[in-house]
Amino acid sequence: AFAALLAFAGASFFSAEAAPKKKRKIAGTWKLRGWNMGKDPKQKEDYTGEVKVSAKGKNTFAVSWVIGGKTVNKGVGIYHPDVDAFAAGYSIGGSAGCAIWTFSEDGKTMTCTGTFEKKLGNVAHEEWSK
């Protein structure tokens, strides 16, 4: 998971033509909706809760997922302004996870474009909103 974050930080796999840099308010508490592996995000979510994001440095964050009042996952996140995306590496169910979120135009919603648990290819979906 950490290697994926390093690759993301370098953004070597993104287009050479960077989009205009955005300033996003990432720190704070986000409402969480999530769908487990293999579930259709057009259906009712499998879990809800909140995600607490705390700034730790320039574009770096501590991330905690809280479901039912209990912290279930913790990790670190990186915002990359050149590609306007947020990536996090975290622990999930005793294994490593990695995900990348993209923003709505107004910045009030982030949608997870992939998570990985135990092996690449296991994809789940999350939506964070303010």
Foldseek 3Di string as FASTA:
>chain_A
DVVVVVCVQVVPVDDPQFDPFDDADDADKWKKFWAFFPDDPVDHGPFIFIKGWADDDVQKTWIFTAGPNRTQKIWMKGADRRHQKMKIWIDHPNFIKIWIWHADPVNFKTKTPAMDGPDPPRGIIMMIGD
